[in-house]
Amino acid sequence: MLPKDANILFSFVNARLRDEYESFDELCAALDADGEDVLKKLSGAGYVYSEAKNQFVPV
């Protein structure tokens, strides 16, 4: 289960992307997470996914 707070989610997802997964899609598949929901929540908090960095970054 993913954290509900956007800032904690940001930290959680970035740590997992850094340490365990090579892409956001891979992370979502492994955690059975709805990628659109994650993107929406993090976008609302001012973060976007950078495919080049494989991290969420501030807008």
PDB file of N, CA and C in Angstrom:
ATOM      1  N   MET A   1       0.842  -1.180   0.000  1.00  0.00           N
ATOM      2  CA  MET A   1       0.000   0.000   0.000  1.00  0.00           C
ATOM      3  C   MET A   1       0.887   1.243   0.000  1.00  0.00           C
ATOM      4  N   LEU A   2       0.509   2.192  -0.844  1.00  0.00           N
ATOM      5  CA  LEU A   2       1.295   3.415  -0.966  1.00  0.00           C
ATOM      6  C   LEU A   2       0.868   4.448   0.079  1.00  0.00           C
ATOM      7  N   PRO A   3       1.801   5.281   0.513  1.00  0.00           N
ATOM      8  CA  PRO A   3       1.455   6.353   1.459  1.00  0.00           C
ATOM      9  C   PRO A   3       0.409   7.290   0.853  1.00  0.00           C
ATOM     10  N   LYS A   4      -0.462   7.826   1.695  1.00  0.00           N
ATOM     11  CA  LYS A   4      -1.514   8.733   1.231  1.00  0.00           C
ATOM     12  C   LYS A   4      -1.041  10.179   1.165  1.00  0.00           C
ATOM     13  N   ASP A   5      -0.169  10.583   2.055  1.00  0.00           N
ATOM     14  CA  ASP A   5       0.363  11.942   2.056  1.00  0.00           C
ATOM     15  C   ASP A   5       1.279  12.120   0.845  1.00  0.00           C
ATOM     16  N   ALA A   6       1.059  13.194   0.070  1.00  0.00           N
ATOM     17  CA  ALA A   6       1.794  13.399  -1.180  1.00  0.00           C
ATOM     18  C   ALA A   6       3.300  13.534  -0.963  1.00  0.00           C
ATOM     19  N   ASN A   7       3.726  14.206   0.093  1.00  0.00           N
ATOM     20  CA  ASN A   7       5.163  14.381   0.327  1.00  0.00           C
ATOM     21  C   ASN A   7       5.833  13.074   0.755  1.00  0.00           C
ATOM     22  N   ILE A   8       5.140  12.294   1.531  1.00  0.00           N
ATOM     23  CA  ILE A   8       5.676  10.983   1.917  1.00  0.00           C
ATOM     24  C   ILE A   8       5.673  10.056   0.706  1.00  0.00           C
ATOM     25  N   LEU A   9       4.620  10.129  -0.107  1.00  0.00           N
ATOM     26  CA  LEU A   9       4.548   9.345  -1.342  1.00  0.00           C
ATOM     27  C   LEU A   9       5.711   9.701  -2.260  1.00  0.00           C
ATOM     28  N   PHE A  10       5.989  10.991  -2.404  1.00  0.00           N
ATOM     29  CA  PHE A  10       7.112  11.464  -3.218  1.00  0.00           C
ATOM     30  C   PHE A  10       8.416  10.808  -2.766  1.00  0.00           C
ATOM     31  N   SER A  11       8.685  10.863  -1.483  1.00  0.00           N
ATOM     32  CA  SER A  11       9.909  10.294  -0.935  1.00  0.00           C
ATOM     33  C   SER A  11       9.946   8.771  -1.115  1.00  0.00           C
ATOM     34  N   PHE A  12       8.827   8.117  -0.823  1.00  0.00           N
ATOM     35  CA  PHE A  12       8.724   6.665  -0.937  1.00  0.00           C
ATOM     36  C   PHE A  12       8.976   6.197  -2.369  1.00  0.00           C
ATOM     37  N   VAL A  13       8.275   6.829  -3.317  1.00  0.00           N
ATOM     38  CA  VAL A  13       8.379   6.423  -4.721  1.00  0.00           C
ATOM     39  C   VAL A  13       9.791   6.688  -5.244  1.00  0.00           C
ATOM     40  N   ASN A  14      10.360   7.845  -4.934  1.00  0.00           N
ATOM     41  CA  ASN A  14      11.708   8.140  -5.414  1.00  0.00           C
ATOM     42  C   ASN A  14      12.742   7.188  -4.835  1.00  0.00           C
ATOM     43  N   ALA A  15      12.598   6.824  -3.581  1.00  0.00           N
ATOM     44  CA  ALA A  15      13.537   5.865  -2.987  1.00  0.00           C
ATOM     45  C   ALA A  15      13.431   4.513  -3.681  1.00  0.00           C
ATOM     46  N   ARG A  16      12.215   4.081  -3.929  1.00  0.00           N
ATOM     47  CA  ARG A  16      12.025   2.807  -4.624  1.00  0.00           C
ATOM     48  C   ARG A  16      12.560   2.855  -6.052  1.00  0.00           C
ATOM     49  N   LEU A  17      12.307   3.961  -6.754  1.00  0.00           N
ATOM     50  CA  LEU A  17      12.822   4.097  -8.119  1.00  0.00           C
ATOM     51  C   LEU A  17      14.348   4.084  -8.118  1.00  0.00           C
ATOM     52  N   ARG A  18      14.937   4.733  -7.158  1.00  0.00           N
ATOM     53  CA  ARG A  18      16.398   4.789  -7.074  1.00  0.00           C
ATOM     54  C   ARG A  18      16.991   3.415  -6.759  1.00  0.00           C
ATOM     55  N   ASP A  19      16.366   2.708  -5.810  1.00  0.00           N
ATOM     56  CA  ASP A  19      16.969   1.491  -5.275  1.00  0.00           C
ATOM     57  C   ASP A  19      16.516   0.181  -5.921  1.00  0.00           C
ATOM     58  N   GLU A  20      15.291   0.163  -6.488  1.00  0.00           N
ATOM     59  CA  GLU A  20      14.739  -1.125  -6.895  1.00  0.00           C
ATOM     60  C   GLU A  20      14.189  -1.226  -8.305  1.00  0.00           C
ATOM     61  N   TYR A  21      13.742  -0.125  -8.893  1.00  0.00           N
ATOM     62  CA  TYR A  21      13.026  -0.220 -10.168  1.00  0.00           C
ATOM     63  C   TYR A  21      13.655   0.670 -11.226  1.00  0.00           C
ATOM     64  N   GLU A  22      13.634   0.186 -12.450  1.00  0.00           N
ATOM     65  CA  GLU A  22      14.249   0.916 -13.550  1.00  0.00           C
ATOM     66  C   GLU A  22      13.289   1.855 -14.251  1.00  0.00           C
ATOM     67  N   SER A  23      12.004   1.796 -13.893  1.00  0.00           N
ATOM     68  CA  SER A  23      11.030   2.707 -14.495  1.00  0.00           C
ATOM     69  C   SER A  23       9.818   2.843 -13.578  1.00  0.00           C
ATOM     70  N   PHE A  24       9.073   3.904 -13.813  1.00  0.00           N
ATOM     71  CA  PHE A  24       7.847   4.136 -13.060  1.00  0.00           C
ATOM     72  C   PHE A  24       6.827   3.035 -13.344  1.00  0.00           C
ATOM     73  N   ASP A  25       6.740   2.605 -14.592  1.00  0.00           N
ATOM     74  CA  ASP A  25       5.807   1.530 -14.949  1.00  0.00           C
ATOM     75  C   ASP A  25       6.150   0.231 -14.225  1.00  0.00           C
ATOM     76  N   GLU A  26       7.433  -0.070 -14.117  1.00  0.00           N
ATOM     77  CA  GLU A  26       7.879  -1.276 -13.408  1.00  0.00           C
ATOM     78  C   GLU A  26       7.500  -1.189 -11.932  1.00  0.00           C
ATOM     79  N   LEU A  27       7.701  -0.034 -11.323  1.00  0.00           N
ATOM     80  CA  LEU A  27       7.335   0.172  -9.926  1.00  0.00           C
ATOM     81  C   LEU A  27       5.833  -0.050  -9.731  1.00  0.00           C
ATOM     82  N   CYS A  28       5.022   0.561 -10.590  1.00  0.00           N
ATOM     83  CA  CYS A  28       3.568   0.432 -10.468  1.00  0.00           C
ATOM     84  C   CYS A  28       3.120  -1.014 -10.620  1.00  0.00           C
ATOM     85  N   ALA A  29       3.707  -1.724 -11.563  1.00  0.00           N
ATOM     86  CA  ALA A  29       3.351  -3.127 -11.768  1.00  0.00           C
ATOM     87  C   ALA A  29       3.722  -3.965 -10.542  1.00  0.00           C
ATOM     88  N   ALA A  30       4.911  -3.741 -10.012  1.00  0.00           N
ATOM     89  CA  ALA A  30       5.381  -4.528  -8.866  1.00  0.00           C
ATOM     90  C   ALA A  30       4.560  -4.255  -7.609  1.00  0.00           C
ATOM     91  N   LEU A  31       4.122  -2.997  -7.442  1.00  0.00           N
ATOM     92  CA  LEU A  31       3.376  -2.623  -6.243  1.00  0.00           C
ATOM     93  C   LEU A  31       1.867  -2.670  -6.459  1.00  0.00           C
ATOM     94  N   ASP A  32       1.453  -3.095  -7.658  1.00  0.00           N
ATOM     95  CA  ASP A  32       0.041  -3.133  -8.022  1.00  0.00           C
ATOM     96  C   ASP A  32      -0.620  -1.781  -7.754  1.00  0.00           C
ATOM     97  N   ALA A  33       0.063  -0.727  -8.197  1.00  0.00           N
ATOM     98  CA  ALA A  33      -0.406   0.646  -7.983  1.00  0.00           C
ATOM     99  C   ALA A  33      -0.959   1.215  -9.283  1.00  0.00           C
ATOM    100  N   ASP A  34      -1.955   2.056  -9.173  1.00  0.00           N
ATOM    101  CA  ASP A  34      -2.516   2.744 -10.327  1.00  0.00           C
ATOM    102  C   ASP A  34      -1.626   3.949 -10.642  1.00  0.00           C
ATOM    103  N   GLY A  35      -0.863   3.846 -11.712  1.00  0.00           N
ATOM    104  CA  GLY A  35       0.083   4.894 -12.074  1.00  0.00           C
ATOM    105  C   GLY A  35      -0.567   6.248 -12.284  1.00  0.00           C
ATOM    106  N   GLU A  36      -1.761   6.259 -12.858  1.00  0.00           N
ATOM    107  CA  GLU A  36      -2.463   7.527 -13.091  1.00  0.00           C
ATOM    108  C   GLU A  36      -2.792   8.211 -11.765  1.00  0.00           C
ATOM    109  N   ASP A  37      -3.190   7.426 -10.780  1.00  0.00           N
ATOM    110  CA  ASP A  37      -3.492   7.998  -9.461  1.00  0.00           C
ATOM    111  C   ASP A  37      -2.234   8.584  -8.813  1.00  0.00           C
ATOM    112  N   VAL A  38      -1.131   7.864  -8.926  1.00  0.00           N
ATOM    113  CA  VAL A  38       0.128   8.346  -8.356  1.00  0.00           C
ATOM    114  C   VAL A  38       0.557   9.636  -9.060  1.00  0.00           C
ATOM    115  N   LEU A  39       0.507   9.632 -10.385  1.00  0.00           N
ATOM    116  CA  LEU A  39       0.883  10.831 -11.143  1.00  0.00           C
ATOM    117  C   LEU A  39       0.003  12.016 -10.777  1.00  0.00           C
ATOM    118  N   LYS A  40      -1.292  11.777 -10.640  1.00  0.00           N
ATOM    119  CA  LYS A  40      -2.234  12.843 -10.298  1.00  0.00           C
ATOM    120  C   LYS A  40      -1.938  13.415  -8.914  1.00  0.00           C
ATOM    121  N   LYS A  41      -1.722  12.528  -7.954  1.00  0.00           N
ATOM    122  CA  LYS A  41      -1.459  12.971  -6.583  1.00  0.00           C
ATOM    123  C   LYS A  41      -0.152  13.766  -6.502  1.00  0.00           C
ATOM    124  N   LEU A  42       0.881  13.264  -7.153  1.00  0.00           N
ATOM    125  CA  LEU A  42       2.171  13.946  -7.096  1.00  0.00           C
ATOM    126  C   LEU A  42       2.165  15.229  -7.924  1.00  0.00           C
ATOM    127  N   SER A  43       1.443  15.233  -9.021  1.00  0.00           N
ATOM    128  CA  SER A  43       1.303  16.448  -9.818  1.00  0.00           C
ATOM    129  C   SER A  43       0.620  17.542  -9.006  1.00  0.00           C
ATOM    130  N   GLY A  44      -0.406  17.163  -8.261  1.00  0.00           N
ATOM    131  CA  GLY A  44      -1.110  18.111  -7.411  1.00  0.00           C
ATOM    132  C   GLY A  44      -0.228  18.698  -6.321  1.00  0.00           C
ATOM    133  N   ALA A  45       0.825  17.973  -5.959  1.00  0.00           N
ATOM    134  CA  ALA A  45       1.764  18.446  -4.938  1.00  0.00           C
ATOM    135  C   ALA A  45       2.961  19.171  -5.556  1.00  0.00           C
ATOM    136  N   GLY A  46       2.958  19.294  -6.898  1.00  0.00           N
ATOM    137  CA  GLY A  46       4.021  20.039  -7.558  1.00  0.00           C
ATOM    138  C   GLY A  46       5.184  19.215  -8.072  1.00  0.00           C
ATOM    139  N   TYR A  47       4.966  17.927  -8.301  1.00  0.00           N
ATOM    140  CA  TYR A  47       6.031  17.055  -8.793  1.00  0.00           C
ATOM    141  C   TYR A  47       5.633  16.427 -10.125  1.00  0.00           C
ATOM    142  N   VAL A  48       6.625  16.225 -10.988  1.00  0.00           N
ATOM    143  CA  VAL A  48       6.420  15.534 -12.254  1.00  0.00           C
ATOM    144  C   VAL A  48       7.473  14.437 -12.372  1.00  0.00           C
ATOM    145  N   TYR A  49       7.141  13.409 -13.146  1.00  0.00           N
ATOM    146  CA  TYR A  49       8.078  12.316 -13.347  1.00  0.00           C
ATOM    147  C   TYR A  49       9.052  12.658 -14.461  1.00  0.00           C
ATOM    148  N   SER A  50      10.334  12.526 -14.180  1.00  0.00           N
ATOM    149  CA  SER A  50      11.384  12.702 -15.186  1.00  0.00           C
ATOM    150  C   SER A  50      11.867  11.319 -15.608  1.00  0.00           C
ATOM    151  N   GLU A  51      11.525  10.937 -16.824  1.00  0.00           N
ATOM    152  CA  GLU A  51      11.945   9.633 -17.314  1.00  0.00           C
ATOM    153  C   GLU A  51      13.471   9.555 -17.414  1.00  0.00           C
ATOM    154  N   ALA A  52      14.097  10.651 -17.798  1.00  0.00           N
ATOM    155  CA  ALA A  52      15.562  10.678 -17.939  1.00  0.00           C
ATOM    156  C   ALA A  52      16.252  10.412 -16.604  1.00  0.00           C
ATOM    157  N   LYS A  53      15.684  10.940 -15.521  1.00  0.00           N
ATOM    158  CA  LYS A  53      16.265  10.752 -14.188  1.00  0.00           C
ATOM    159  C   LYS A  53      15.666   9.566 -13.446  1.00  0.00           C
ATOM    160  N   ASN A  54      14.545   9.044 -13.954  1.00  0.00           N
ATOM    161  CA  ASN A  54      13.790   7.997 -13.275  1.00  0.00           C
ATOM    162  C   ASN A  54      13.462   8.413 -11.843  1.00  0.00           C
ATOM    163  N   GLN A  55      13.027   9.659 -11.718  1.00  0.00           N
ATOM    164  CA  GLN A  55      12.669  10.241 -10.426  1.00  0.00           C
ATOM    165  C   GLN A  55      11.561  11.248 -10.617  1.00  0.00           C
ATOM    166  N   PHE A  56      10.829  11.509  -9.551  1.00  0.00           N
ATOM    167  CA  PHE A  56       9.901  12.630  -9.545  1.00  0.00           C
ATOM    168  C   PHE A  56      10.693  13.841  -9.102  1.00  0.00           C
ATOM    169  N   VAL A  57      10.449  14.943  -9.777  1.00  0.00           N
ATOM    170  CA  VAL A  57      11.181  16.179  -9.503  1.00  0.00           C
ATOM    171  C   VAL A  57      10.175  17.325  -9.346  1.00  0.00           C
ATOM    172  N   PRO A  58      10.552  18.380  -8.619  1.00  0.00           N
ATOM    173  CA  PRO A  58       9.655  19.542  -8.503  1.00  0.00           C
ATOM    174  C   PRO A  58       9.447  20.194  -9.863  1.00  0.00           C
ATOM    175  N   VAL A  59       8.262  20.740 -10.040  1.00  0.00           N
ATOM    176  CA  VAL A  59       7.943  21.445 -11.293  1.00  0.00           C
ATOM    177  C   VAL A  59       8.762  22.704 -11.386  1.00  0.00           C
TER     178      VAL A  59
END
